[in-house]
Amino acid sequence: MSADAVRFSDERLTEIAALVKTYPGAQSALMPVLYMAQEDFGYISMEAQKMIAQVLGLRLMQVREVVTFYTMFREQPTGKYLLEVCTNAGCMLNGANELVAHMCETLGIKQGQTTADGLFTVTEVECAGACGGAPVVQVNNVYHEKVTPELMDSLITRVRDGGAA
C-alpha cells in the first residue's frame, strides 16, 4: 500500500469529524477510527497510522500504542479468510494448539502467514470470550465453536471450492 493510497474518503472524514464531536477528545475516538481504517484499507499500515495521527491531531506513538496492543488490529495484509484461533487456557486445554498445527500443516503455512493463493491466514488470538465452546475459531469475525481438525478441513475445502465460510 503506497502512501498515496492511504487516504480516507471525504465521506469517511466527515463521519470521523462527527464521531470526534461525540467524545471528550480526539484520542477517545481512536479505536473506532482504527476500525474504520482497517475496514477501508484491509489492515493498518504505518502509512495509515501516520494518516490517522494527523487526522485526529495525535502523536504517531499514541496511535502505535493502541495498534500494537490490541490483537484485533492488523499491521499486515491477511488472506481473504482470516482464521483466528483462540489459544488461551480453555481453548488450549481443548486442543487449540493442535488445531493451529493441523491448520498450518494442511494449508502449508506457518502461524501468521498467508497461503500463496491469498485465501487463508492463520493467527492465534487471546481469549475469544467463548470458553464454553472451546476450541473457538473466528473466520472473518464469525465464531465457530468446538472446532475439530475435521471441521476446519471441511471449511477449507468448501471455501476453496467456491462455497461460503
Protein backbone atom coordinates (compact mmCIF):
# COMPACT_ATOMS: atom_id res chain seq x y z
CA MET A 1 0.00 0.00 0.00
CA SER A 2 1.68 3.21 -1.11
CA ALA A 3 1.45 6.41 0.89
CA ASP A 4 -0.72 7.90 -1.88
CA ALA A 5 -3.30 5.10 -1.47
CA VAL A 6 -3.68 5.76 2.25
CA ARG A 7 -6.28 8.44 2.47
CA PHE A 8 -9.74 8.42 3.96
CA SER A 9 -12.51 9.34 1.55
CA ASP A 10 -14.21 12.69 2.05
CA GLU A 11 -17.29 10.82 3.29
CA ARG A 12 -15.21 8.94 5.86
CA LEU A 13 -13.54 12.17 7.01
CA THR A 14 -16.98 13.71 7.53
CA GLU A 15 -18.01 10.62 9.53
CA ILE A 16 -14.84 10.86 11.64
CA ALA A 17 -15.38 14.58 12.32
CA ALA A 18 -18.92 13.86 13.53
CA LEU A 19 -17.65 10.96 15.65
CA VAL A 20 -14.94 13.04 17.31
CA LYS A 21 -17.59 15.55 18.42
CA THR A 22 -19.34 12.80 20.41
CA TYR A 23 -16.23 12.14 22.52
CA PRO A 24 -14.48 14.28 25.12
CA GLY A 25 -11.38 14.38 22.91
CA ALA A 26 -9.93 13.08 19.66
CA GLN A 27 -7.93 10.36 21.41
CA SER A 28 -11.18 8.86 22.67
CA ALA A 29 -12.25 8.32 19.05
CA LEU A 30 -9.04 6.48 18.16
CA MET A 31 -10.33 2.91 18.39
CA PRO A 32 -13.41 3.48 16.22
CA VAL A 33 -11.24 5.31 13.69
CA LEU A 34 -8.77 2.41 13.66
CA TYR A 35 -11.65 0.04 12.92
CA MET A 36 -12.71 2.34 10.07
CA ALA A 37 -9.18 2.32 8.66
CA GLN A 38 -8.93 -1.44 8.86
CA GLU A 39 -12.30 -1.75 7.13
CA ASP A 40 -11.28 0.72 4.40
CA PHE A 41 -7.72 -0.49 3.77
CA GLY A 42 -7.78 -4.13 4.94
CA TYR A 43 -5.06 -3.53 7.53
CA ILE A 44 -3.45 -0.59 9.32
CA SER A 45 -0.08 0.07 7.68
CA MET A 46 2.44 2.51 9.10
CA GLU A 47 1.31 5.00 6.45
CA ALA A 48 -2.28 4.60 7.64
CA GLN A 49 -1.20 5.08 11.25
CA LYS A 50 0.56 8.31 10.34
CA MET A 51 -2.51 9.50 8.47
CA ILE A 52 -4.78 8.63 11.43
CA ALA A 53 -2.49 10.52 13.81
CA GLN A 54 -2.67 13.55 11.53
CA VAL A 55 -6.46 13.34 11.09
CA LEU A 56 -7.03 13.10 14.86
CA GLY A 57 -4.27 15.53 15.85
CA LEU A 58 -2.44 12.86 17.84
CA ARG A 59 1.19 11.82 18.06
CA LEU A 60 2.08 8.76 15.99
CA MET A 61 3.14 6.97 19.19
CA GLN A 62 -0.38 7.33 20.61
CA VAL A 63 -1.75 5.53 17.57
CA ARG A 64 1.02 2.89 17.62
CA GLU A 65 0.40 2.11 21.30
CA VAL A 66 -3.18 1.11 20.53
CA VAL A 67 -2.50 -0.69 17.25
CA THR A 68 0.28 -2.81 18.71
CA PHE A 69 -1.52 -3.58 21.99
CA TYR A 70 -4.80 -4.98 20.63
CA THR A 71 -4.70 -8.17 18.57
CA MET A 72 -7.77 -7.22 16.53
CA PHE A 73 -5.78 -4.56 14.69
CA ARG A 74 -3.61 -5.88 11.87
CA GLU A 75 -0.49 -4.17 10.55
CA GLN A 76 -0.03 -6.60 7.65
CA PRO A 77 -2.39 -7.73 4.89
CA THR A 78 -4.18 -11.02 5.51
CA GLY A 79 -5.81 -13.61 3.34
CA LYS A 80 -9.40 -13.32 2.21
CA TYR A 81 -10.27 -15.60 5.14
CA LEU A 82 -8.65 -14.73 8.45
CA LEU A 83 -8.67 -17.82 10.67
CA GLU A 84 -8.15 -16.67 14.25
CA VAL A 85 -7.71 -19.47 16.77
CA CYS A 86 -8.13 -18.72 20.45
CA THR A 87 -5.18 -20.32 22.25
CA ASN A 88 -5.96 -19.08 25.75
CA ALA A 89 -6.22 -21.59 28.61
CA GLY A 90 -9.69 -23.05 27.98
CA CYS A 91 -9.19 -23.44 24.25
CA MET A 92 -5.62 -24.67 24.69
CA LEU A 93 -6.80 -27.40 27.07
CA ASN A 94 -9.38 -28.44 24.48
CA GLY A 95 -6.92 -28.81 21.61
CA ALA A 96 -6.38 -25.32 20.18
CA ASN A 97 -2.61 -25.71 19.84
CA GLU A 98 -3.04 -28.98 17.97
CA LEU A 99 -5.72 -27.32 15.83
CA VAL A 100 -3.35 -24.49 14.86
CA ALA A 101 -0.66 -27.03 13.98
CA HIS A 102 -3.13 -29.03 11.88
CA MET A 103 -4.41 -25.93 10.06
CA CYS A 104 -0.88 -24.74 9.29
CA GLU A 105 0.17 -28.18 8.06
CA THR A 106 -2.98 -28.51 5.93
CA LEU A 107 -2.50 -25.05 4.40
CA GLY A 108 1.29 -25.32 4.08
CA ILE A 109 1.99 -22.16 6.06
CA LYS A 110 3.23 -21.11 9.47
CA GLN A 111 1.13 -19.29 12.02
CA GLY A 112 0.83 -15.65 10.93
CA GLN A 113 1.42 -16.42 7.26
CA THR A 114 -0.94 -16.29 4.29
CA THR A 115 -1.37 -19.04 1.71
CA ALA A 116 0.11 -18.43 -1.74
CA ASP A 117 -3.38 -18.18 -3.25
CA GLY A 118 -4.17 -15.34 -0.83
CA LEU A 119 -7.15 -17.17 0.65
CA PHE A 120 -6.13 -18.05 4.21
CA THR A 121 -4.17 -16.54 7.08
CA VAL A 122 -3.90 -18.46 10.37
CA THR A 123 -3.30 -16.49 13.56
CA GLU A 124 -3.53 -17.12 17.27
CA VAL A 125 -5.53 -14.73 19.43
CA GLU A 126 -6.07 -14.32 23.12
CA CYS A 127 -9.36 -15.12 24.80
CA ALA A 128 -12.26 -15.05 22.35
CA GLY A 129 -14.71 -14.98 25.25
CA ALA A 130 -16.45 -18.22 24.29
CA CYS A 131 -14.80 -20.71 26.62
CA GLY A 132 -17.87 -22.95 26.73
CA GLY A 133 -17.37 -23.63 23.03
CA ALA A 134 -13.64 -24.30 23.18
CA PRO A 135 -11.75 -24.50 20.97
CA VAL A 136 -13.01 -21.44 19.16
CA VAL A 137 -12.01 -20.23 15.69
CA GLN A 138 -13.14 -16.91 14.25
CA VAL A 139 -13.39 -16.86 10.48
CA ASN A 140 -13.58 -13.21 9.43
CA ASN A 141 -15.05 -12.42 12.87
CA VAL A 142 -17.69 -15.19 12.72
CA TYR A 143 -17.32 -17.56 15.65
CA HIS A 144 -17.11 -21.33 15.19
CA GLU A 145 -17.18 -23.33 18.43
CA LYS A 146 -15.95 -26.81 19.36
CA VAL A 147 -13.86 -26.80 16.21
CA THR A 148 -12.14 -30.03 15.24
CA PRO A 149 -9.47 -30.62 12.60
CA GLU A 150 -12.15 -32.34 10.50
CA LEU A 151 -14.44 -29.29 10.74
CA MET A 152 -11.60 -26.99 9.65
CA ASP A 153 -10.71 -29.32 6.77
CA SER A 154 -14.34 -29.20 5.64
CA LEU A 155 -14.44 -25.40 5.84
CA ILE A 156 -11.16 -25.04 3.95
CA THR A 157 -12.36 -27.41 1.22
CA ARG A 158 -15.72 -25.66 0.94
CA VAL A 159 -14.08 -22.25 0.58
CA ARG A 160 -11.57 -23.50 -1.99
CA ASP A 161 -14.45 -24.99 -3.99
CA GLY A 162 -16.10 -21.56 -4.09
CA GLY A 163 -18.50 -22.00 -1.18
CA ALA A 164 -19.08 -19.75 1.80
CA ALA A 165 -17.09 -19.91 5.00
